[in-house]
């Protein structure tokens, strides 16, 4: 059984950093490529229950966010965050690390090693 789950996008250098850091530390990680296997509403709700960061931080505010017509007002509540991420999985912030009943967004990068060590 894995020590940690990493929600990963292999095209993201910060996400790759998290998987490499886990491997270097000898931490068994279950790497989930969330773009290939998007999280459903129930999985997102479970993730938010564990997330130590504000729910709204789980949504990336990038060019695609704007392109699909979203604003910060669209991701203020837990329910809004879940709805947006179900519809647009690529807006999930990455990496996300889950360990037991705790989860963090692995940004900035220095959060990753501390989380893995805890």
PDB file of N, CA and C in Angstrom:
ATOM      1  N   UNK A   1       0.841  -1.176   0.000  1.00  0.00           N
ATOM      2  CA  UNK A   1       0.000   0.000   0.000  1.00  0.00           C
ATOM      3  C   UNK A   1       0.889   1.244   0.000  1.00  0.00           C
ATOM      4  N   UNK A   2       0.479   2.260  -0.733  1.00  0.00           N
ATOM      5  CA  UNK A   2       1.262   3.476  -0.850  1.00  0.00           C
ATOM      6  C   UNK A   2       1.141   4.332   0.401  1.00  0.00           C
ATOM      7  N   UNK A   3       2.229   5.049   0.680  1.00  0.00           N
ATOM      8  CA  UNK A   3       2.240   5.985   1.799  1.00  0.00           C
ATOM      9  C   UNK A   3       1.489   7.262   1.460  1.00  0.00           C
ATOM     10  N   UNK A   4       1.530   7.621   0.171  1.00  0.00           N
ATOM     11  CA  UNK A   4       0.966   8.888  -0.261  1.00  0.00           C
ATOM     12  C   UNK A   4       0.390   8.738  -1.664  1.00  0.00           C
ATOM     13  N   UNK A   5      -0.614   9.539  -1.960  1.00  0.00           N
ATOM     14  CA  UNK A   5      -1.152   9.624  -3.318  1.00  0.00           C
ATOM     15  C   UNK A   5      -0.803  10.999  -3.849  1.00  0.00           C
ATOM     16  N   UNK A   6      -0.340  11.034  -5.093  1.00  0.00           N
ATOM     17  CA  UNK A   6      -0.013  12.300  -5.737  1.00  0.00           C
ATOM     18  C   UNK A   6      -0.904  12.453  -6.960  1.00  0.00           C
ATOM     19  N   UNK A   7      -1.735  13.485  -6.948  1.00  0.00           N
ATOM     20  CA  UNK A   7      -2.526  13.826  -8.133  1.00  0.00           C
ATOM     21  C   UNK A   7      -1.588  14.600  -9.036  1.00  0.00           C
ATOM     22  N   UNK A   8      -1.305  14.027 -10.195  1.00  0.00           N
ATOM     23  CA  UNK A   8      -0.156  14.406 -11.000  1.00  0.00           C
ATOM     24  C   UNK A   8      -0.536  14.753 -12.432  1.00  0.00           C
ATOM     25  N   UNK A   9       0.161  15.755 -12.956  1.00  0.00           N
ATOM     26  CA  UNK A   9       0.107  16.095 -14.378  1.00  0.00           C
ATOM     27  C   UNK A   9       1.541  16.042 -14.870  1.00  0.00           C
ATOM     28  N   UNK A  10       1.856  15.068 -15.696  1.00  0.00           N
ATOM     29  CA  UNK A  10       3.248  14.874 -16.101  1.00  0.00           C
ATOM     30  C   UNK A  10       3.800  16.012 -16.943  1.00  0.00           C
ATOM     31  N   UNK A  11       2.946  16.892 -17.439  1.00  0.00           N
ATOM     32  CA  UNK A  11       3.416  18.050 -18.201  1.00  0.00           C
ATOM     33  C   UNK A  11       3.787  19.227 -17.307  1.00  0.00           C
ATOM     34  N   UNK A  12       3.591  19.084 -16.020  1.00  0.00           N
ATOM     35  CA  UNK A  12       3.849  20.161 -15.064  1.00  0.00           C
ATOM     36  C   UNK A  12       5.154  19.888 -14.313  1.00  0.00           C
ATOM     37  N   UNK A  13       6.080  20.828 -14.367  1.00  0.00           N
ATOM     38  CA  UNK A  13       7.374  20.637 -13.707  1.00  0.00           C
ATOM     39  C   UNK A  13       7.225  20.549 -12.183  1.00  0.00           C
ATOM     40  N   UNK A  14       6.308  21.273 -11.611  1.00  0.00           N
ATOM     41  CA  UNK A  14       6.104  21.215 -10.162  1.00  0.00           C
ATOM     42  C   UNK A  14       5.524  19.857  -9.765  1.00  0.00           C
ATOM     43  N   UNK A  15       4.667  19.326 -10.596  1.00  0.00           N
ATOM     44  CA  UNK A  15       4.098  18.010 -10.341  1.00  0.00           C
ATOM     45  C   UNK A  15       5.179  16.929 -10.476  1.00  0.00           C
ATOM     46  N   UNK A  16       6.009  17.048 -11.493  1.00  0.00           N
ATOM     47  CA  UNK A  16       7.121  16.093 -11.648  1.00  0.00           C
ATOM     48  C   UNK A  16       8.071  16.190 -10.458  1.00  0.00           C
ATOM     49  N   UNK A  17       8.305  17.399  -9.975  1.00  0.00           N
ATOM     50  CA  UNK A  17       9.152  17.592  -8.798  1.00  0.00           C
ATOM     51  C   UNK A  17       8.604  16.797  -7.612  1.00  0.00           C
ATOM     52  N   UNK A  18       7.306  16.827  -7.413  1.00  0.00           N
ATOM     53  CA  UNK A  18       6.694  16.108  -6.287  1.00  0.00           C
ATOM     54  C   UNK A  18       6.913  14.607  -6.404  1.00  0.00           C
ATOM     55  N   UNK A  19       6.718  14.056  -7.593  1.00  0.00           N
ATOM     56  CA  UNK A  19       6.907  12.606  -7.757  1.00  0.00           C
ATOM     57  C   UNK A  19       8.375  12.230  -7.586  1.00  0.00           C
ATOM     58  N   UNK A  20       9.278  13.079  -8.080  1.00  0.00           N
ATOM     59  CA  UNK A  20      10.716  12.819  -7.943  1.00  0.00           C
ATOM     60  C   UNK A  20      11.151  12.934  -6.485  1.00  0.00           C
ATOM     61  N   UNK A  21      10.598  13.900  -5.769  1.00  0.00           N
ATOM     62  CA  UNK A  21      10.933  14.078  -4.358  1.00  0.00           C
ATOM     63  C   UNK A  21      10.478  12.869  -3.546  1.00  0.00           C
ATOM     64  N   UNK A  22       9.287  12.383  -3.826  1.00  0.00           N
ATOM     65  CA  UNK A  22       8.791  11.195  -3.131  1.00  0.00           C
ATOM     66  C   UNK A  22       9.691   9.995  -3.419  1.00  0.00           C
ATOM     67  N   UNK A  23      10.038   9.803  -4.679  1.00  0.00           N
ATOM     68  CA  UNK A  23      10.898   8.675  -5.049  1.00  0.00           C
ATOM     69  C   UNK A  23      12.260   8.786  -4.373  1.00  0.00           C
ATOM     70  N   UNK A  24      12.847   9.976  -4.366  1.00  0.00           N
ATOM     71  CA  UNK A  24      14.158  10.183  -3.736  1.00  0.00           C
ATOM     72  C   UNK A  24      14.121   9.930  -2.239  1.00  0.00           C
ATOM     73  N   UNK A  25      12.986  10.229  -1.627  1.00  0.00           N
ATOM     74  CA  UNK A  25      12.833  10.029  -0.190  1.00  0.00           C
ATOM     75  C   UNK A  25      12.452   8.589   0.160  1.00  0.00           C
ATOM     76  N   UNK A  26      12.247   7.756  -0.856  1.00  0.00           N
ATOM     77  CA  UNK A  26      11.857   6.374  -0.610  1.00  0.00           C
ATOM     78  C   UNK A  26      10.416   6.224  -0.171  1.00  0.00           C
ATOM     79  N   UNK A  27       9.590   7.222  -0.507  1.00  0.00           N
ATOM     80  CA  UNK A  27       8.174   7.191  -0.140  1.00  0.00           C
ATOM     81  C   UNK A  27       7.399   6.486  -1.249  1.00  0.00           C
ATOM     82  N   UNK A  28       6.673   5.451  -0.883  1.00  0.00           N
ATOM     83  CA  UNK A  28       5.835   4.756  -1.860  1.00  0.00           C
ATOM     84  C   UNK A  28       4.667   5.660  -2.222  1.00  0.00           C
ATOM     85  N   UNK A  29       4.575   6.006  -3.499  1.00  0.00           N
ATOM     86  CA  UNK A  29       3.529   6.936  -3.938  1.00  0.00           C
ATOM     87  C   UNK A  29       2.656   6.295  -5.002  1.00  0.00           C
ATOM     88  N   UNK A  30       1.375   6.469  -4.835  1.00  0.00           N
ATOM     89  CA  UNK A  30       0.409   6.098  -5.857  1.00  0.00           C
ATOM     90  C   UNK A  30       0.208   7.360  -6.700  1.00  0.00           C
ATOM     91  N   UNK A  31       0.723   7.349  -7.923  1.00  0.00           N
ATOM     92  CA  UNK A  31       0.652   8.521  -8.785  1.00  0.00           C
ATOM     93  C   UNK A  31      -0.589   8.406  -9.664  1.00  0.00           C
ATOM     94  N   UNK A  32      -1.481   9.375  -9.518  1.00  0.00           N
ATOM     95  CA  UNK A  32      -2.744   9.379 -10.254  1.00  0.00           C
ATOM     96  C   UNK A  32      -2.701  10.509 -11.274  1.00  0.00           C
ATOM     97  N   UNK A  33      -2.725  10.146 -12.541  1.00  0.00           N
ATOM     98  CA  UNK A  33      -2.781  11.150 -13.600  1.00  0.00           C
ATOM     99  C   UNK A  33      -4.242  11.561 -13.758  1.00  0.00           C
ATOM    100  N   UNK A  34      -4.608  12.624 -13.072  1.00  0.00           N
ATOM    101  CA  UNK A  34      -6.009  13.020 -12.959  1.00  0.00           C
ATOM    102  C   UNK A  34      -6.616  13.484 -14.275  1.00  0.00           C
ATOM    103  N   UNK A  35      -5.807  13.786 -15.272  1.00  0.00           N
ATOM    104  CA  UNK A  35      -6.383  14.137 -16.574  1.00  0.00           C
ATOM    105  C   UNK A  35      -6.826  12.883 -17.328  1.00  0.00           C
ATOM    106  N   UNK A  36      -6.176  11.754 -17.054  1.00  0.00           N
ATOM    107  CA  UNK A  36      -6.582  10.486 -17.664  1.00  0.00           C
ATOM    108  C   UNK A  36      -7.733   9.844 -16.893  1.00  0.00           C
ATOM    109  N   UNK A  37      -7.735  10.037 -15.579  1.00  0.00           N
ATOM    110  CA  UNK A  37      -8.787   9.495 -14.710  1.00  0.00           C
ATOM    111  C   UNK A  37      -9.291  10.634 -13.830  1.00  0.00           C
ATOM    112  N   UNK A  38     -10.150  11.501 -14.368  1.00  0.00           N
ATOM    113  CA  UNK A  38     -10.635  12.649 -13.592  1.00  0.00           C
ATOM    114  C   UNK A  38     -11.388  12.222 -12.340  1.00  0.00           C
ATOM    115  N   UNK A  39     -11.279  13.042 -11.315  1.00  0.00           N
ATOM    116  CA  UNK A  39     -11.992  12.794 -10.075  1.00  0.00           C
ATOM    117  C   UNK A  39     -13.466  13.138 -10.256  1.00  0.00           C
ATOM    118  N   UNK A  40     -14.330  12.308  -9.708  1.00  0.00           N
ATOM    119  CA  UNK A  40     -15.756  12.624  -9.751  1.00  0.00           C
ATOM    120  C   UNK A  40     -16.100  13.494  -8.544  1.00  0.00           C
ATOM    121  N   UNK A  41     -17.344  13.893  -8.448  1.00  0.00           N
ATOM    122  CA  UNK A  41     -17.765  14.801  -7.382  1.00  0.00           C
ATOM    123  C   UNK A  41     -17.498  14.210  -5.999  1.00  0.00           C
ATOM    124  N   UNK A  42     -17.749  12.929  -5.820  1.00  0.00           N
ATOM    125  CA  UNK A  42     -17.533  12.298  -4.509  1.00  0.00           C
ATOM    126  C   UNK A  42     -16.050  12.300  -4.138  1.00  0.00           C
ATOM    127  N   UNK A  43     -15.180  11.997  -5.096  1.00  0.00           N
ATOM    128  CA  UNK A  43     -13.738  11.993  -4.833  1.00  0.00           C
ATOM    129  C   UNK A  43     -13.235  13.404  -4.533  1.00  0.00           C
ATOM    130  N   UNK A  44     -13.771  14.390  -5.246  1.00  0.00           N
ATOM    131  CA  UNK A  44     -13.387  15.777  -4.979  1.00  0.00           C
ATOM    132  C   UNK A  44     -13.863  16.214  -3.591  1.00  0.00           C
ATOM    133  N   UNK A  45     -15.055  15.816  -3.201  1.00  0.00           N
ATOM    134  CA  UNK A  45     -15.560  16.151  -1.871  1.00  0.00           C
ATOM    135  C   UNK A  45     -14.675  15.535  -0.791  1.00  0.00           C
ATOM    136  N   UNK A  46     -14.274  14.285  -0.994  1.00  0.00           N
ATOM    137  CA  UNK A  46     -13.376  13.616  -0.054  1.00  0.00           C
ATOM    138  C   UNK A  46     -12.034  14.343   0.014  1.00  0.00           C
ATOM    139  N   UNK A  47     -11.521  14.734  -1.130  1.00  0.00           N
ATOM    140  CA  UNK A  47     -10.260  15.471  -1.171  1.00  0.00           C
ATOM    141  C   UNK A  47     -10.379  16.792  -0.412  1.00  0.00           C
ATOM    142  N   UNK A  48     -11.462  17.500  -0.627  1.00  0.00           N
ATOM    143  CA  UNK A  48     -11.652  18.777   0.067  1.00  0.00           C
ATOM    144  C   UNK A  48     -11.779  18.590   1.577  1.00  0.00           C
ATOM    145  N   UNK A  49     -12.333  17.455   2.009  1.00  0.00           N
ATOM    146  CA  UNK A  49     -12.410  17.171   3.442  1.00  0.00           C
ATOM    147  C   UNK A  49     -11.009  17.070   4.056  1.00  0.00           C
ATOM    148  N   UNK A  50     -10.053  16.632   3.285  1.00  0.00           N
ATOM    149  CA  UNK A  50      -8.686  16.424   3.767  1.00  0.00           C
ATOM    150  C   UNK A  50      -7.781  17.628   3.533  1.00  0.00           C
ATOM    151  N   UNK A  51      -8.153  18.481   2.616  1.00  0.00           N
ATOM    152  CA  UNK A  51      -7.280  19.564   2.163  1.00  0.00           C
ATOM    153  C   UNK A  51      -7.039  20.596   3.257  1.00  0.00           C
ATOM    154  N   UNK A  52      -5.770  20.865   3.508  1.00  0.00           N
ATOM    155  CA  UNK A  52      -5.387  21.859   4.503  1.00  0.00           C
ATOM    156  C   UNK A  52      -5.420  23.271   3.937  1.00  0.00           C
ATOM    157  N   UNK A  53      -5.478  23.399   2.633  1.00  0.00           N
ATOM    158  CA  UNK A  53      -5.540  24.694   1.962  1.00  0.00           C
ATOM    159  C   UNK A  53      -7.002  25.081   1.749  1.00  0.00           C
ATOM    160  N   UNK A  54      -7.278  26.364   1.526  1.00  0.00           N
ATOM    161  CA  UNK A  54      -8.653  26.760   1.218  1.00  0.00           C
ATOM    162  C   UNK A  54      -9.160  26.045  -0.035  1.00  0.00           C
ATOM    163  N   UNK A  55     -10.419  25.663  -0.033  1.00  0.00           N
ATOM    164  CA  UNK A  55     -10.995  24.926  -1.163  1.00  0.00           C
ATOM    165  C   UNK A  55     -10.789  25.661  -2.484  1.00  0.00           C
ATOM    166  N   UNK A  56     -10.962  26.956  -2.483  1.00  0.00           N
ATOM    167  CA  UNK A  56     -10.839  27.725  -3.721  1.00  0.00           C
ATOM    168  C   UNK A  56      -9.435  27.649  -4.324  1.00  0.00           C
ATOM    169  N   UNK A  57      -8.418  27.388  -3.495  1.00  0.00           N
ATOM    170  CA  UNK A  57      -7.044  27.273  -3.996  1.00  0.00           C
ATOM    171  C   UNK A  57      -6.851  26.038  -4.860  1.00  0.00           C
ATOM    172  N   UNK A  58      -7.767  25.095  -4.804  1.00  0.00           N
ATOM    173  CA  UNK A  58      -7.658  23.876  -5.596  1.00  0.00           C
ATOM    174  C   UNK A  58      -7.905  24.132  -7.084  1.00  0.00           C
ATOM    175  N   UNK A  59      -8.418  25.301  -7.415  1.00  0.00           N
ATOM    176  CA  UNK A  59      -8.720  25.652  -8.804  1.00  0.00           C
ATOM    177  C   UNK A  59      -7.617  26.564  -9.348  1.00  0.00           C
ATOM    178  N   UNK A  60      -7.016  26.140 -10.456  1.00  0.00           N
ATOM    179  CA  UNK A  60      -5.999  26.960 -11.133  1.00  0.00           C
ATOM    180  C   UNK A  60      -6.661  28.163 -11.792  1.00  0.00           C
ATOM    181  N   UNK A  61      -6.054  29.294 -11.639  1.00  0.00           N
ATOM    182  CA  UNK A  61      -6.508  30.508 -12.332  1.00  0.00           C
ATOM    183  C   UNK A  61      -5.524  30.777 -13.463  1.00  0.00           C
ATOM    184  N   UNK A  62      -5.693  30.063 -14.558  1.00  0.00           N
ATOM    185  CA  UNK A  62      -4.797  30.218 -15.704  1.00  0.00           C
ATOM    186  C   UNK A  62      -5.593  30.733 -16.902  1.00  0.00           C
ATOM    187  N   UNK A  63      -4.969  30.726 -18.069  1.00  0.00           N
ATOM    188  CA  UNK A  63      -5.637  31.237 -19.271  1.00  0.00           C
ATOM    189  C   UNK A  63      -6.902  30.443 -19.588  1.00  0.00           C
ATOM    190  N   UNK A  64      -6.879  29.126 -19.354  1.00  0.00           N
ATOM    191  CA  UNK A  64      -8.061  28.312 -19.625  1.00  0.00           C
ATOM    192  C   UNK A  64      -9.216  28.710 -18.709  1.00  0.00           C
ATOM    193  N   UNK A  65      -8.918  29.016 -17.466  1.00  0.00           N
ATOM    194  CA  UNK A  65      -9.920  29.470 -16.493  1.00  0.00           C
ATOM    195  C   UNK A  65     -10.682  30.664 -17.066  1.00  0.00           C
ATOM    196  N   UNK A  66      -9.940  31.609 -17.588  1.00  0.00           N
ATOM    197  CA  UNK A  66     -10.542  32.809 -18.185  1.00  0.00           C
ATOM    198  C   UNK A  66     -11.250  32.475 -19.493  1.00  0.00           C
ATOM    199  N   UNK A  67     -10.623  31.615 -20.292  1.00  0.00           N
ATOM    200  CA  UNK A  67     -11.169  31.237 -21.604  1.00  0.00           C
ATOM    201  C   UNK A  67     -12.557  30.621 -21.485  1.00  0.00           C
ATOM    202  N   UNK A  68     -12.786  29.837 -20.445  1.00  0.00           N
ATOM    203  CA  UNK A  68     -14.100  29.212 -20.283  1.00  0.00           C
ATOM    204  C   UNK A  68     -15.082  30.122 -19.536  1.00  0.00           C
ATOM    205  N   UNK A  69     -14.658  31.349 -19.292  1.00  0.00           N
ATOM    206  CA  UNK A  69     -15.556  32.350 -18.737  1.00  0.00           C
ATOM    207  C   UNK A  69     -15.709  32.345 -17.236  1.00  0.00           C
ATOM    208  N   UNK A  70     -14.757  31.741 -16.522  1.00  0.00           N
ATOM    209  CA  UNK A  70     -14.852  31.683 -15.071  1.00  0.00           C
ATOM    210  C   UNK A  70     -14.201  32.899 -14.426  1.00  0.00           C
ATOM    211  N   UNK A  71     -14.689  33.224 -13.239  1.00  0.00           N
ATOM    212  CA  UNK A  71     -14.091  34.277 -12.417  1.00  0.00           C
ATOM    213  C   UNK A  71     -13.948  33.738 -11.002  1.00  0.00           C
ATOM    214  N   UNK A  72     -13.272  34.488 -10.150  1.00  0.00           N
ATOM    215  CA  UNK A  72     -13.131  34.065  -8.755  1.00  0.00           C
ATOM    216  C   UNK A  72     -14.487  33.840  -8.093  1.00  0.00           C
ATOM    217  N   UNK A  73     -15.488  34.594  -8.519  1.00  0.00           N
ATOM    218  CA  UNK A  73     -16.835  34.446  -7.942  1.00  0.00           C
ATOM    219  C   UNK A  73     -17.423  33.062  -8.226  1.00  0.00           C
ATOM    220  N   UNK A  74     -16.918  32.381  -9.246  1.00  0.00           N
ATOM    221  CA  UNK A  74     -17.427  31.059  -9.613  1.00  0.00           C
ATOM    222  C   UNK A  74     -16.828  29.925  -8.787  1.00  0.00           C
ATOM    223  N   UNK A  75     -15.834  30.221  -7.968  1.00  0.00           N
ATOM    224  CA  UNK A  75     -15.153  29.164  -7.207  1.00  0.00           C
ATOM    225  C   UNK A  75     -14.951  29.576  -5.748  1.00  0.00           C
ATOM    226  N   UNK A  76     -15.925  30.228  -5.181  1.00  0.00           N
ATOM    227  CA  UNK A  76     -15.833  30.697  -3.795  1.00  0.00           C
ATOM    228  C   UNK A  76     -16.259  29.639  -2.788  1.00  0.00           C
ATOM    229  N   UNK A  77     -17.189  28.791  -3.157  1.00  0.00           N
ATOM    230  CA  UNK A  77     -17.688  27.797  -2.204  1.00  0.00           C
ATOM    231  C   UNK A  77     -17.187  26.404  -2.570  1.00  0.00           C
ATOM    232  N   UNK A  78     -17.263  25.537  -1.617  1.00  0.00           N
ATOM    233  CA  UNK A  78     -16.885  24.132  -1.811  1.00  0.00           C
ATOM    234  C   UNK A  78     -17.684  23.519  -2.965  1.00  0.00           C
ATOM    235  N   UNK A  79     -18.980  23.774  -2.983  1.00  0.00           N
ATOM    236  CA  UNK A  79     -19.846  23.214  -4.022  1.00  0.00           C
ATOM    237  C   UNK A  79     -19.458  23.745  -5.405  1.00  0.00           C
ATOM    238  N   UNK A  80     -19.136  25.022  -5.477  1.00  0.00           N
ATOM    239  CA  UNK A  80     -18.706  25.598  -6.758  1.00  0.00           C
ATOM    240  C   UNK A  80     -17.390  24.975  -7.217  1.00  0.00           C
ATOM    241  N   UNK A  81     -16.463  24.809  -6.307  1.00  0.00           N
ATOM    242  CA  UNK A  81     -15.164  24.211  -6.646  1.00  0.00           C
ATOM    243  C   UNK A  81     -15.377  22.816  -7.213  1.00  0.00           C
ATOM    244  N   UNK A  82     -16.196  22.021  -6.558  1.00  0.00           N
ATOM    245  CA  UNK A  82     -16.466  20.657  -7.032  1.00  0.00           C
ATOM    246  C   UNK A  82     -17.090  20.706  -8.426  1.00  0.00           C
ATOM    247  N   UNK A  83     -18.089  21.544  -8.619  1.00  0.00           N
ATOM    248  CA  UNK A  83     -18.766  21.620  -9.918  1.00  0.00           C
ATOM    249  C   UNK A  83     -17.799  22.040 -11.032  1.00  0.00           C
ATOM    250  N   UNK A  84     -16.965  23.022 -10.765  1.00  0.00           N
ATOM    251  CA  UNK A  84     -16.017  23.489 -11.785  1.00  0.00           C
ATOM    252  C   UNK A  84     -14.998  22.399 -12.109  1.00  0.00           C
ATOM    253  N   UNK A  85     -14.489  21.707 -11.090  1.00  0.00           N
ATOM    254  CA  UNK A  85     -13.462  20.687 -11.343  1.00  0.00           C
ATOM    255  C   UNK A  85     -14.025  19.426 -11.983  1.00  0.00           C
ATOM    256  N   UNK A  86     -15.289  19.121 -11.738  1.00  0.00           N
ATOM    257  CA  UNK A  86     -15.922  18.006 -12.445  1.00  0.00           C
ATOM    258  C   UNK A  86     -16.049  18.355 -13.927  1.00  0.00           C
ATOM    259  N   UNK A  87     -16.440  19.576 -14.203  1.00  0.00           N
ATOM    260  CA  UNK A  87     -16.620  20.002 -15.591  1.00  0.00           C
ATOM    261  C   UNK A  87     -15.289  20.255 -16.300  1.00  0.00           C
ATOM    262  N   UNK A  88     -14.294  20.754 -15.560  1.00  0.00           N
ATOM    263  CA  UNK A  88     -13.004  21.128 -16.158  1.00  0.00           C
ATOM    264  C   UNK A  88     -11.849  20.559 -15.324  1.00  0.00           C
ATOM    265  N   UNK A  89     -11.585  19.261 -15.430  1.00  0.00           N
ATOM    266  CA  UNK A  89     -10.541  18.644 -14.605  1.00  0.00           C
ATOM    267  C   UNK A  89      -9.160  19.281 -14.776  1.00  0.00           C
ATOM    268  N   UNK A  90      -8.899  19.863 -15.921  1.00  0.00           N
ATOM    269  CA  UNK A  90      -7.571  20.447 -16.138  1.00  0.00           C
ATOM    270  C   UNK A  90      -7.335  21.674 -15.263  1.00  0.00           C
ATOM    271  N   UNK A  91      -8.368  22.183 -14.615  1.00  0.00           N
ATOM    272  CA  UNK A  91      -8.206  23.319 -13.715  1.00  0.00           C
ATOM    273  C   UNK A  91      -7.813  22.900 -12.295  1.00  0.00           C
ATOM    274  N   UNK A  92      -7.687  21.597 -12.052  1.00  0.00           N
ATOM    275  CA  UNK A  92      -7.235  21.135 -10.744  1.00  0.00           C
ATOM    276  C   UNK A  92      -5.795  21.585 -10.528  1.00  0.00           C
ATOM    277  N   UNK A  93      -5.565  22.251  -9.426  1.00  0.00           N
ATOM    278  CA  UNK A  93      -4.214  22.662  -9.074  1.00  0.00           C
ATOM    279  C   UNK A  93      -3.354  21.414  -8.919  1.00  0.00           C
ATOM    280  N   UNK A  94      -2.103  21.526  -9.269  1.00  0.00           N
ATOM    281  CA  UNK A  94      -1.224  20.367  -9.165  1.00  0.00           C
ATOM    282  C   UNK A  94       0.157  20.785  -8.705  1.00  0.00           C
ATOM    283  N   UNK A  95       0.799  19.842  -8.070  1.00  0.00           N
ATOM    284  CA  UNK A  95       0.326  18.534  -7.628  1.00  0.00           C
ATOM    285  C   UNK A  95      -0.493  18.655  -6.345  1.00  0.00           C
ATOM    286  N   UNK A  96      -1.278  17.639  -6.079  1.00  0.00           N
ATOM    287  CA  UNK A  96      -1.962  17.525  -4.795  1.00  0.00           C
ATOM    288  C   UNK A  96      -1.449  16.239  -4.160  1.00  0.00           C
ATOM    289  N   UNK A  97      -1.033  16.337  -2.913  1.00  0.00           N
ATOM    290  CA  UNK A  97      -0.520  15.187  -2.190  1.00  0.00           C
ATOM    291  C   UNK A  97      -1.495  14.821  -1.086  1.00  0.00           C
ATOM    292  N   UNK A  98      -1.800  13.534  -0.978  1.00  0.00           N
ATOM    293  CA  UNK A  98      -2.735  13.034   0.027  1.00  0.00           C
ATOM    294  C   UNK A  98      -2.013  11.969   0.842  1.00  0.00           C
ATOM    295  N   UNK A  99      -2.092  12.134   2.148  1.00  0.00           N
ATOM    296  CA  UNK A  99      -1.453  11.181   3.063  1.00  0.00           C
ATOM    297  C   UNK A  99      -2.400  10.965   4.228  1.00  0.00           C
ATOM    298  N   UNK A 100      -2.996   9.789   4.293  1.00  0.00           N
ATOM    299  CA  UNK A 100      -3.954   9.522   5.359  1.00  0.00           C
ATOM    300  C   UNK A 100      -5.146  10.455   5.259  1.00  0.00           C
ATOM    301  N   UNK A 101      -5.393  11.193   6.324  1.00  0.00           N
ATOM    302  CA  UNK A 101      -6.535  12.112   6.333  1.00  0.00           C
ATOM    303  C   UNK A 101      -6.111  13.562   6.093  1.00  0.00           C
ATOM    304  N   UNK A 102      -4.932  13.749   5.495  1.00  0.00           N
ATOM    305  CA  UNK A 102      -4.421  15.089   5.199  1.00  0.00           C
ATOM    306  C   UNK A 102      -4.098  15.204   3.712  1.00  0.00           C
ATOM    307  N   UNK A 103      -4.268  16.420   3.187  1.00  0.00           N
ATOM    308  CA  UNK A 103      -3.907  16.697   1.797  1.00  0.00           C
ATOM    309  C   UNK A 103      -3.430  18.141   1.689  1.00  0.00           C
ATOM    310  N   UNK A 104      -2.491  18.347   0.775  1.00  0.00           N
ATOM    311  CA  UNK A 104      -2.011  19.698   0.492  1.00  0.00           C
ATOM    312  C   UNK A 104      -1.840  19.874  -1.005  1.00  0.00           C
ATOM    313  N   UNK A 105      -1.819  21.131  -1.412  1.00  0.00           N
ATOM    314  CA  UNK A 105      -1.390  21.483  -2.761  1.00  0.00           C
ATOM    315  C   UNK A 105       0.125  21.647  -2.670  1.00  0.00           C
ATOM    316  N   UNK A 106       0.845  21.000  -3.557  1.00  0.00           N
ATOM    317  CA  UNK A 106       2.306  21.006  -3.500  1.00  0.00           C
ATOM    318  C   UNK A 106       2.952  22.237  -4.104  1.00  0.00           C
ATOM    319  N   UNK A 107       2.407  23.384  -3.816  1.00  0.00           N
ATOM    320  CA  UNK A 107       2.966  24.668  -4.237  1.00  0.00           C
ATOM    321  C   UNK A 107       3.006  25.577  -3.028  1.00  0.00           C
ATOM    322  N   UNK A 108       4.081  26.254  -2.807  1.00  0.00           N
ATOM    323  CA  UNK A 108       5.361  26.156  -3.503  1.00  0.00           C
ATOM    324  C   UNK A 108       6.019  24.802  -3.256  1.00  0.00           C
ATOM    325  N   UNK A 109       7.021  24.529  -4.054  1.00  0.00           N
ATOM    326  CA  UNK A 109       7.668  23.212  -4.046  1.00  0.00           C
ATOM    327  C   UNK A 109       8.177  22.790  -2.679  1.00  0.00           C
ATOM    328  N   UNK A 110       8.613  23.753  -1.865  1.00  0.00           N
ATOM    329  CA  UNK A 110       9.189  23.384  -0.572  1.00  0.00           C
ATOM    330  C   UNK A 110       8.184  22.762   0.382  1.00  0.00           C
ATOM    331  N   UNK A 111       6.912  22.830   0.064  1.00  0.00           N
ATOM    332  CA  UNK A 111       5.887  22.194   0.899  1.00  0.00           C
ATOM    333  C   UNK A 111       5.914  20.673   0.765  1.00  0.00           C
ATOM    334  N   UNK A 112       6.401  20.178  -0.373  1.00  0.00           N
ATOM    335  CA  UNK A 112       6.343  18.746  -0.671  1.00  0.00           C
ATOM    336  C   UNK A 112       7.168  17.923   0.316  1.00  0.00           C
ATOM    337  N   UNK A 113       8.427  18.246   0.473  1.00  0.00           N
ATOM    338  CA  UNK A 113       9.298  17.465   1.367  1.00  0.00           C
ATOM    339  C   UNK A 113       8.789  17.506   2.799  1.00  0.00           C
ATOM    340  N   UNK A 114       8.355  18.685   3.252  1.00  0.00           N
ATOM    341  CA  UNK A 114       7.843  18.795   4.622  1.00  0.00           C
ATOM    342  C   UNK A 114       6.619  17.903   4.820  1.00  0.00           C
ATOM    343  N   UNK A 115       5.737  17.880   3.833  1.00  0.00           N
ATOM    344  CA  UNK A 115       4.527  17.053   3.925  1.00  0.00           C
ATOM    345  C   UNK A 115       4.896  15.570   3.926  1.00  0.00           C
ATOM    346  N   UNK A 116       5.805  15.183   3.064  1.00  0.00           N
ATOM    347  CA  UNK A 116       6.211  13.774   2.996  1.00  0.00           C
ATOM    348  C   UNK A 116       6.882  13.311   4.286  1.00  0.00           C
ATOM    349  N   UNK A 117       7.575  14.227   4.944  1.00  0.00           N
ATOM    350  CA  UNK A 117       8.270  13.899   6.194  1.00  0.00           C
ATOM    351  C   UNK A 117       7.345  13.842   7.403  1.00  0.00           C
ATOM    352  N   UNK A 118       6.164  14.459   7.267  1.00  0.00           N
ATOM    353  CA  UNK A 118       5.271  14.556   8.432  1.00  0.00           C
ATOM    354  C   UNK A 118       4.523  13.258   8.694  1.00  0.00           C
TER     355      UNK A 118
END
